[in-house]
PDB file of N, CA and C in Angstrom:
ATOM      1  N   MET A   1     -15.816  10.332   7.637  1.00  0.00           N
ATOM      2  CA  MET A   1     -14.700   9.563   7.125  1.00  0.00           C
ATOM      3  C   MET A   1     -15.210   8.175   6.721  1.00  0.00           C
ATOM      4  N   LYS A   2     -14.903   7.778   5.493  1.00  0.00           N
ATOM      5  CA  LYS A   2     -15.305   6.477   4.977  1.00  0.00           C
ATOM      6  C   LYS A   2     -14.352   5.401   5.492  1.00  0.00           C
ATOM      7  N   ILE A   3     -14.890   4.228   5.765  1.00  0.00           N
ATOM      8  CA  ILE A   3     -14.079   3.086   6.184  1.00  0.00           C
ATOM      9  C   ILE A   3     -13.867   2.194   4.960  1.00  0.00           C
ATOM     10  N   TYR A   4     -12.608   1.941   4.633  1.00  0.00           N
ATOM     11  CA  TYR A   4     -12.258   1.123   3.483  1.00  0.00           C
ATOM     12  C   TYR A   4     -11.840  -0.271   3.934  1.00  0.00           C
ATOM     13  N   GLU A   5     -12.243  -1.272   3.160  1.00  0.00           N
ATOM     14  CA  GLU A   5     -11.772  -2.636   3.376  1.00  0.00           C
ATOM     15  C   GLU A   5     -10.411  -2.757   2.687  1.00  0.00           C
ATOM     16  N   ILE A   6      -9.439  -3.374   3.346  1.00  0.00           N
ATOM     17  CA  ILE A   6      -8.096  -3.539   2.793  1.00  0.00           C
ATOM     18  C   ILE A   6      -7.953  -4.961   2.262  1.00  0.00           C
ATOM     19  N   LYS A   7      -7.546  -5.083   1.003  1.00  0.00           N
ATOM     20  CA  LYS A   7      -7.275  -6.392   0.398  1.00  0.00           C
ATOM     21  C   LYS A   7      -5.858  -6.367  -0.158  1.00  0.00           C
ATOM     22  N   PHE A   8      -5.231  -7.542  -0.207  1.00  0.00           N
ATOM     23  CA  PHE A   8      -3.843  -7.661  -0.661  1.00  0.00           C
ATOM     24  C   PHE A   8      -3.741  -8.612  -1.837  1.00  0.00           C
ATOM     25  N   LYS A   9      -2.948  -8.237  -2.825  1.00  0.00           N
ATOM     26  CA  LYS A   9      -2.579  -9.189  -3.871  1.00  0.00           C
ATOM     27  C   LYS A   9      -1.455 -10.060  -3.307  1.00  0.00           C
ATOM     28  N   LYS A  10      -1.262 -11.222  -3.904  1.00  0.00           N
ATOM     29  CA  LYS A  10      -0.322 -12.220  -3.400  1.00  0.00           C
ATOM     30  C   LYS A  10       1.107 -11.672  -3.278  1.00  0.00           C
ATOM     31  N   GLN A  11       1.587 -10.941  -4.296  1.00  0.00           N
ATOM     32  CA  GLN A  11       2.960 -10.423  -4.281  1.00  0.00           C
ATOM     33  C   GLN A  11       3.177  -9.482  -3.113  1.00  0.00           C
ATOM     34  N   ALA A  12       2.225  -8.602  -2.863  1.00  0.00           N
ATOM     35  CA  ALA A  12       2.364  -7.628  -1.777  1.00  0.00           C
ATOM     36  C   ALA A  12       2.402  -8.331  -0.423  1.00  0.00           C
ATOM     37  N   LEU A  13       1.515  -9.281  -0.229  1.00  0.00           N
ATOM     38  CA  LEU A  13       1.464 -10.007   1.033  1.00  0.00           C
ATOM     39  C   LEU A  13       2.742 -10.813   1.263  1.00  0.00           C
ATOM     40  N   LYS A  14       3.249 -11.431   0.211  1.00  0.00           N
ATOM     41  CA  LYS A  14       4.487 -12.212   0.303  1.00  0.00           C
ATOM     42  C   LYS A  14       5.667 -11.320   0.697  1.00  0.00           C
ATOM     43  N   PHE A  15       5.756 -10.130   0.102  1.00  0.00           N
ATOM     44  CA  PHE A  15       6.838  -9.204   0.429  1.00  0.00           C
ATOM     45  C   PHE A  15       6.753  -8.773   1.888  1.00  0.00           C
ATOM     46  N   ILE A  16       5.562  -8.410   2.342  1.00  0.00           N
ATOM     47  CA  ILE A  16       5.393  -7.946   3.721  1.00  0.00           C
ATOM     48  C   ILE A  16       5.742  -9.059   4.709  1.00  0.00           C
ATOM     49  N   LYS A  17       5.322 -10.282   4.419  1.00  0.00           N
ATOM     50  CA  LYS A  17       5.612 -11.408   5.312  1.00  0.00           C
ATOM     51  C   LYS A  17       7.094 -11.762   5.345  1.00  0.00           C
ATOM     52  N   SER A  18       7.858 -11.349   4.335  1.00  0.00           N
ATOM     53  CA  SER A  18       9.290 -11.657   4.301  1.00  0.00           C
ATOM     54  C   SER A  18      10.118 -10.680   5.135  1.00  0.00           C
ATOM     55  N   ARG A  19       9.513  -9.625   5.638  1.00  0.00           N
ATOM     56  CA  ARG A  19      10.200  -8.625   6.459  1.00  0.00           C
ATOM     57  C   ARG A  19      10.284  -9.088   7.910  1.00  0.00           C
ATOM     58  N   THR A  20      11.078  -8.382   8.706  1.00  0.00           N
ATOM     59  CA  THR A  20      11.163  -8.678  10.144  1.00  0.00           C
ATOM     60  C   THR A  20       9.829  -8.332  10.797  1.00  0.00           C
ATOM     61  N   ALA A  21       9.591  -8.864  11.979  1.00  0.00           N
ATOM     62  CA  ALA A  21       8.326  -8.624  12.678  1.00  0.00           C
ATOM     63  C   ALA A  21       8.105  -7.127  12.917  1.00  0.00           C
ATOM     64  N   LYS A  22       9.166  -6.425  13.281  1.00  0.00           N
ATOM     65  CA  LYS A  22       9.051  -4.983  13.541  1.00  0.00           C
ATOM     66  C   LYS A  22       8.668  -4.233  12.266  1.00  0.00           C
ATOM     67  N   GLU A  23       9.299  -4.588  11.147  1.00  0.00           N
ATOM     68  CA  GLU A  23       8.998  -3.912   9.889  1.00  0.00           C
ATOM     69  C   GLU A  23       7.610  -4.300   9.379  1.00  0.00           C
ATOM     70  N   GLN A  24       7.198  -5.548   9.586  1.00  0.00           N
ATOM     71  CA  GLN A  24       5.840  -5.957   9.210  1.00  0.00           C
ATOM     72  C   GLN A  24       4.804  -5.096   9.920  1.00  0.00           C
ATOM     73  N   MET A  25       5.017  -4.874  11.199  1.00  0.00           N
ATOM     74  CA  MET A  25       4.095  -4.061  11.990  1.00  0.00           C
ATOM     75  C   MET A  25       4.054  -2.630  11.459  1.00  0.00           C
ATOM     76  N   ARG A  26       5.211  -2.091  11.146  1.00  0.00           N
ATOM     77  CA  ARG A  26       5.306  -0.730  10.619  1.00  0.00           C
ATOM     78  C   ARG A  26       4.561  -0.597   9.290  1.00  0.00           C
ATOM     79  N   LEU A  27       4.757  -1.573   8.396  1.00  0.00           N
ATOM     80  CA  LEU A  27       4.103  -1.543   7.089  1.00  0.00           C
ATOM     81  C   LEU A  27       2.593  -1.706   7.216  1.00  0.00           C
ATOM     82  N   THR A  28       2.151  -2.678   8.009  1.00  0.00           N
ATOM     83  CA  THR A  28       0.709  -2.897   8.133  1.00  0.00           C
ATOM     84  C   THR A  28       0.015  -1.730   8.822  1.00  0.00           C
ATOM     85  N   ASN A  29       0.660  -1.113   9.798  1.00  0.00           N
ATOM     86  CA  ASN A  29       0.077   0.074  10.432  1.00  0.00           C
ATOM     87  C   ASN A  29      -0.112   1.186   9.416  1.00  0.00           C
ATOM     88  N   ALA A  30       0.885   1.401   8.544  1.00  0.00           N
ATOM     89  CA  ALA A  30       0.788   2.439   7.520  1.00  0.00           C
ATOM     90  C   ALA A  30      -0.315   2.101   6.516  1.00  0.00           C
ATOM     91  N   ILE A  31      -0.432   0.832   6.135  1.00  0.00           N
ATOM     92  CA  ILE A  31      -1.448   0.419   5.160  1.00  0.00           C
ATOM     93  C   ILE A  31      -2.848   0.620   5.720  1.00  0.00           C
ATOM     94  N   TYR A  32      -3.060   0.281   6.979  1.00  0.00           N
ATOM     95  CA  TYR A  32      -4.395   0.389   7.554  1.00  0.00           C
ATOM     96  C   TYR A  32      -4.803   1.826   7.861  1.00  0.00           C
ATOM     97  N   LYS A  33      -3.921   2.792   7.663  1.00  0.00           N
ATOM     98  CA  LYS A  33      -4.273   4.209   7.777  1.00  0.00           C
ATOM     99  C   LYS A  33      -4.702   4.790   6.430  1.00  0.00           C
ATOM    100  N   LEU A  34      -4.566   3.981   5.358  1.00  0.00           N
ATOM    101  CA  LEU A  34      -4.949   4.448   4.025  1.00  0.00           C
ATOM    102  C   LEU A  34      -6.451   4.660   3.948  1.00  0.00           C
ATOM    103  N   PRO A  35      -6.917   5.566   3.145  1.00  0.00           N
ATOM    104  CA  PRO A  35      -6.214   6.519   2.283  1.00  0.00           C
ATOM    105  C   PRO A  35      -6.016   7.878   2.931  1.00  0.00           C
ATOM    106  N   TYR A  36      -6.085   7.936   4.264  1.00  0.00           N
ATOM    107  CA  TYR A  36      -6.115   9.231   4.938  1.00  0.00           C
ATOM    108  C   TYR A  36      -4.786   9.729   5.474  1.00  0.00           C
ATOM    109  N   ALA A  37      -3.791   8.870   5.639  1.00  0.00           N
ATOM    110  CA  ALA A  37      -2.527   9.306   6.228  1.00  0.00           C
ATOM    111  C   ALA A  37      -1.354   8.636   5.531  1.00  0.00           C
ATOM    112  N   GLY A  38      -0.215   9.305   5.549  1.00  0.00           N
ATOM    113  CA  GLY A  38       0.999   8.743   4.972  1.00  0.00           C
ATOM    114  C   GLY A  38       1.519   9.596   3.838  1.00  0.00           C
ATOM    115  N   ASP A  39       2.690   9.231   3.348  1.00  0.00           N
ATOM    116  CA  ASP A  39       3.322   9.912   2.213  1.00  0.00           C
ATOM    117  C   ASP A  39       2.759   9.287   0.941  1.00  0.00           C
ATOM    118  N   ILE A  40       1.651   9.841   0.450  1.00  0.00           N
ATOM    119  CA  ILE A  40       0.902   9.272  -0.664  1.00  0.00           C
ATOM    120  C   ILE A  40       1.033  10.163  -1.888  1.00  0.00           C
ATOM    121  N   VAL A  41       1.293   9.532  -3.036  1.00  0.00           N
ATOM    122  CA  VAL A  41       1.385  10.255  -4.308  1.00  0.00           C
ATOM    123  C   VAL A  41       0.593   9.469  -5.343  1.00  0.00           C
ATOM    124  N   LYS A  42      -0.215  10.177  -6.139  1.00  0.00           N
ATOM    125  CA  LYS A  42      -0.947   9.535  -7.239  1.00  0.00           C
ATOM    126  C   LYS A  42       0.047   9.171  -8.321  1.00  0.00           C
ATOM    127  N   MET A  43      -0.043   7.957  -8.841  1.00  0.00           N
ATOM    128  CA  MET A  43       0.894   7.488  -9.863  1.00  0.00           C
ATOM    129  C   MET A  43       0.416   7.921 -11.250  1.00  0.00           C
ATOM    130  N   GLU A  44       1.352   8.403 -12.048  1.00  0.00           N
ATOM    131  CA  GLU A  44       1.032   8.835 -13.402  1.00  0.00           C
ATOM    132  C   GLU A  44       0.725   7.628 -14.283  1.00  0.00           C
ATOM    133  N   GLY A  45      -0.191   7.821 -15.216  1.00  0.00           N
ATOM    134  CA  GLY A  45      -0.531   6.764 -16.150  1.00  0.00           C
ATOM    135  C   GLY A  45      -1.599   5.806 -15.650  1.00  0.00           C
ATOM    136  N   PHE A  46      -2.090   6.010 -14.432  1.00  0.00           N
ATOM    137  CA  PHE A  46      -3.129   5.163 -13.855  1.00  0.00           C
ATOM    138  C   PHE A  46      -4.279   6.048 -13.388  1.00  0.00           C
ATOM    139  N   SER A  47      -5.492   5.528 -13.488  1.00  0.00           N
ATOM    140  CA  SER A  47      -6.632   6.342 -13.064  1.00  0.00           C
ATOM    141  C   SER A  47      -6.852   6.311 -11.556  1.00  0.00           C
ATOM    142  N   ASN A  48      -6.525   5.203 -10.914  1.00  0.00           N
ATOM    143  CA  ASN A  48      -6.803   5.103  -9.473  1.00  0.00           C
ATOM    144  C   ASN A  48      -5.689   4.422  -8.688  1.00  0.00           C
ATOM    145  N   ARG A  49      -4.439   4.516  -9.152  1.00  0.00           N
ATOM    146  CA  ARG A  49      -3.324   3.874  -8.450  1.00  0.00           C
ATOM    147  C   ARG A  49      -2.483   4.935  -7.745  1.00  0.00           C
ATOM    148  N   TYR A  50      -2.079   4.594  -6.517  1.00  0.00           N
ATOM    149  CA  TYR A  50      -1.307   5.497  -5.678  1.00  0.00           C
ATOM    150  C   TYR A  50      -0.099   4.772  -5.130  1.00  0.00           C
ATOM    151  N   ARG A  51       0.861   5.559  -4.620  1.00  0.00           N
ATOM    152  CA  ARG A  51       2.081   5.030  -4.022  1.00  0.00           C
ATOM    153  C   ARG A  51       2.181   5.536  -2.598  1.00  0.00           C
ATOM    154  N   LEU A  52       2.439   4.641  -1.670  1.00  0.00           N
ATOM    155  CA  LEU A  52       2.666   4.979  -0.271  1.00  0.00           C
ATOM    156  C   LEU A  52       4.121   4.700   0.044  1.00  0.00           C
ATOM    157  N   ARG A  53       4.805   5.682   0.621  1.00  0.00           N
ATOM    158  CA  ARG A  53       6.204   5.501   1.006  1.00  0.00           C
ATOM    159  C   ARG A  53       6.265   5.234   2.504  1.00  0.00           C
ATOM    160  N   VAL A  54       6.930   4.144   2.865  1.00  0.00           N
ATOM    161  CA  VAL A  54       7.173   3.803   4.274  1.00  0.00           C
ATOM    162  C   VAL A  54       8.649   3.490   4.379  1.00  0.00           C
ATOM    163  N   GLY A  55       9.452   4.491   4.739  1.00  0.00           N
ATOM    164  CA  GLY A  55      10.901   4.318   4.790  1.00  0.00           C
ATOM    165  C   GLY A  55      11.435   3.978   3.409  1.00  0.00           C
ATOM    166  N   GLY A  56      12.147   2.858   3.282  1.00  0.00           N
ATOM    167  CA  GLY A  56      12.712   2.443   2.008  1.00  0.00           C
ATOM    168  C   GLY A  56      11.789   1.536   1.201  1.00  0.00           C
ATOM    169  N   VAL A  57      10.563   1.377   1.655  1.00  0.00           N
ATOM    170  CA  VAL A  57       9.603   0.495   0.982  1.00  0.00           C
ATOM    171  C   VAL A  57       8.548   1.341   0.276  1.00  0.00           C
ATOM    172  N   ARG A  58       8.150   0.884  -0.921  1.00  0.00           N
ATOM    173  CA  ARG A  58       7.084   1.543  -1.665  1.00  0.00           C
ATOM    174  C   ARG A  58       5.929   0.562  -1.801  1.00  0.00           C
ATOM    175  N   ILE A  59       4.743   1.035  -1.486  1.00  0.00           N
ATOM    176  CA  ILE A  59       3.542   0.222  -1.558  1.00  0.00           C
ATOM    177  C   ILE A  59       2.617   0.849  -2.585  1.00  0.00           C
ATOM    178  N   GLN A  60       2.285   0.091  -3.616  1.00  0.00           N
ATOM    179  CA  GLN A  60       1.365   0.571  -4.638  1.00  0.00           C
ATOM    180  C   GLN A  60      -0.023   0.014  -4.320  1.00  0.00           C
ATOM    181  N   TYR A  61      -1.022   0.888  -4.396  1.00  0.00           N
ATOM    182  CA  TYR A  61      -2.379   0.426  -4.115  1.00  0.00           C
ATOM    183  C   TYR A  61      -3.378   1.129  -5.018  1.00  0.00           C
ATOM    184  N   GLU A  62      -4.530   0.508  -5.150  1.00  0.00           N
ATOM    185  CA  GLU A  62      -5.643   1.073  -5.907  1.00  0.00           C
ATOM    186  C   GLU A  62      -6.757   1.394  -4.925  1.00  0.00           C
ATOM    187  N   LYS A  63      -7.372   2.549  -5.119  1.00  0.00           N
ATOM    188  CA  LYS A  63      -8.480   2.974  -4.256  1.00  0.00           C
ATOM    189  C   LYS A  63      -9.759   2.921  -5.081  1.00  0.00           C
ATOM    190  N   HIS A  64     -10.699   2.094  -4.647  1.00  0.00           N
ATOM    191  CA  HIS A  64     -11.977   1.945  -5.338  1.00  0.00           C
ATOM    192  C   HIS A  64     -13.058   2.577  -4.468  1.00  0.00           C
ATOM    193  N   ASP A  65     -13.387   3.840  -4.767  1.00  0.00           N
ATOM    194  CA  ASP A  65     -14.343   4.593  -3.953  1.00  0.00           C
ATOM    195  C   ASP A  65     -15.775   4.075  -4.052  1.00  0.00           C
ATOM    196  N   ASP A  66     -16.131   3.468  -5.178  1.00  0.00           N
ATOM    197  CA  ASP A  66     -17.507   3.004  -5.348  1.00  0.00           C
ATOM    198  C   ASP A  66     -17.860   1.850  -4.407  1.00  0.00           C
ATOM    199  N   VAL A  67     -16.881   1.021  -4.049  1.00  0.00           N
ATOM    200  CA  VAL A  67     -17.126  -0.112  -3.146  1.00  0.00           C
ATOM    201  C   VAL A  67     -16.291  -0.019  -1.860  1.00  0.00           C
ATOM    202  N   TYR A  68     -15.601   1.089  -1.663  1.00  0.00           N
ATOM    203  CA  TYR A  68     -14.796   1.338  -0.457  1.00  0.00           C
ATOM    204  C   TYR A  68     -13.777   0.229  -0.196  1.00  0.00           C
ATOM    205  N   ILE A  69     -12.957  -0.034  -1.214  1.00  0.00           N
ATOM    206  CA  ILE A  69     -11.907  -1.053  -1.094  1.00  0.00           C
ATOM    207  C   ILE A  69     -10.566  -0.440  -1.452  1.00  0.00           C
ATOM    208  N   ILE A  70      -9.557  -0.752  -0.660  1.00  0.00           N
ATOM    209  CA  ILE A  70      -8.160  -0.448  -0.969  1.00  0.00           C
ATOM    210  C   ILE A  70      -7.526  -1.784  -1.342  1.00  0.00           C
ATOM    211  N   LEU A  71      -7.006  -1.894  -2.563  1.00  0.00           N
ATOM    212  CA  LEU A  71      -6.347  -3.112  -3.013  1.00  0.00           C
ATOM    213  C   LEU A  71      -4.847  -2.843  -3.063  1.00  0.00           C
ATOM    214  N   VAL A  72      -4.087  -3.475  -2.165  1.00  0.00           N
ATOM    215  CA  VAL A  72      -2.631  -3.328  -2.150  1.00  0.00           C
ATOM    216  C   VAL A  72      -2.096  -4.230  -3.257  1.00  0.00           C
ATOM    217  N   VAL A  73      -1.598  -3.592  -4.319  1.00  0.00           N
ATOM    218  CA  VAL A  73      -1.204  -4.298  -5.524  1.00  0.00           C
ATOM    219  C   VAL A  73       0.225  -4.801  -5.439  1.00  0.00           C
ATOM    220  N   ARG A  74       1.114  -3.980  -4.896  1.00  0.00           N
ATOM    221  CA  ARG A  74       2.534  -4.334  -4.906  1.00  0.00           C
ATOM    222  C   ARG A  74       3.234  -3.660  -3.723  1.00  0.00           C
ATOM    223  N   ALA A  75       4.208  -4.353  -3.168  1.00  0.00           N
ATOM    224  CA  ALA A  75       5.086  -3.804  -2.145  1.00  0.00           C
ATOM    225  C   ALA A  75       6.495  -4.259  -2.482  1.00  0.00           C
ATOM    226  N   ASP A  76       7.438  -3.319  -2.443  1.00  0.00           N
ATOM    227  CA  ASP A  76       8.809  -3.665  -2.815  1.00  0.00           C
ATOM    228  C   ASP A  76       9.756  -2.610  -2.261  1.00  0.00           C
ATOM    229  N   ASN A  77      11.043  -2.939  -2.290  1.00  0.00           N
ATOM    230  CA  ASN A  77      12.054  -1.964  -1.907  1.00  0.00           C
ATOM    231  C   ASN A  77      12.065  -0.818  -2.908  1.00  0.00           C
ATOM    232  N   ARG A  78      12.507   0.325  -2.474  1.00  0.00           N
ATOM    233  CA  ARG A  78      12.447   1.543  -3.264  1.00  0.00           C
ATOM    234  C   ARG A  78      12.998   1.376  -4.682  1.00  0.00           C
ATOM    235  N   GLY A  79      14.150   0.793  -4.834  1.00  0.00           N
ATOM    236  CA  GLY A  79      14.785   0.661  -6.139  1.00  0.00           C
ATOM    237  C   GLY A  79      14.108  -0.327  -7.066  1.00  0.00           C
ATOM    238  N   ASP A  80      13.323  -1.240  -6.513  1.00  0.00           N
ATOM    239  CA  ASP A  80      12.695  -2.289  -7.321  1.00  0.00           C
ATOM    240  C   ASP A  80      11.202  -2.062  -7.559  1.00  0.00           C
ATOM    241  N   ALA A  81      10.641  -1.030  -6.978  1.00  0.00           N
ATOM    242  CA  ALA A  81       9.187  -0.862  -6.969  1.00  0.00           C
ATOM    243  C   ALA A  81       8.604  -0.356  -8.275  1.00  0.00           C
ATOM    244  N   TYR A  82       9.400   0.247  -9.134  1.00  0.00           N
ATOM    245  CA  TYR A  82       8.799   0.874 -10.321  1.00  0.00           C
ATOM    246  C   TYR A  82       9.194   0.152 -11.545  1.00  0.00           C
TER     247      TYR A  82
END
């Protein structure tokens, strides 16, 4: 199993920090299990972008296998994420 470094774009980090402490913990736990666990779907129209569902929140991330980095691009409520 490869170990990926997790990086966050500003928008995603800001959204996660705006949640309650309990929800922040839930979201970060799900993110740090990437890319091996969770409700993950490859996004159409992108070569390496995926969507992680955590309850009513959608987290978009890019997986860069050549350098073992997960870049969390966006996090938002379900209705606003796309």
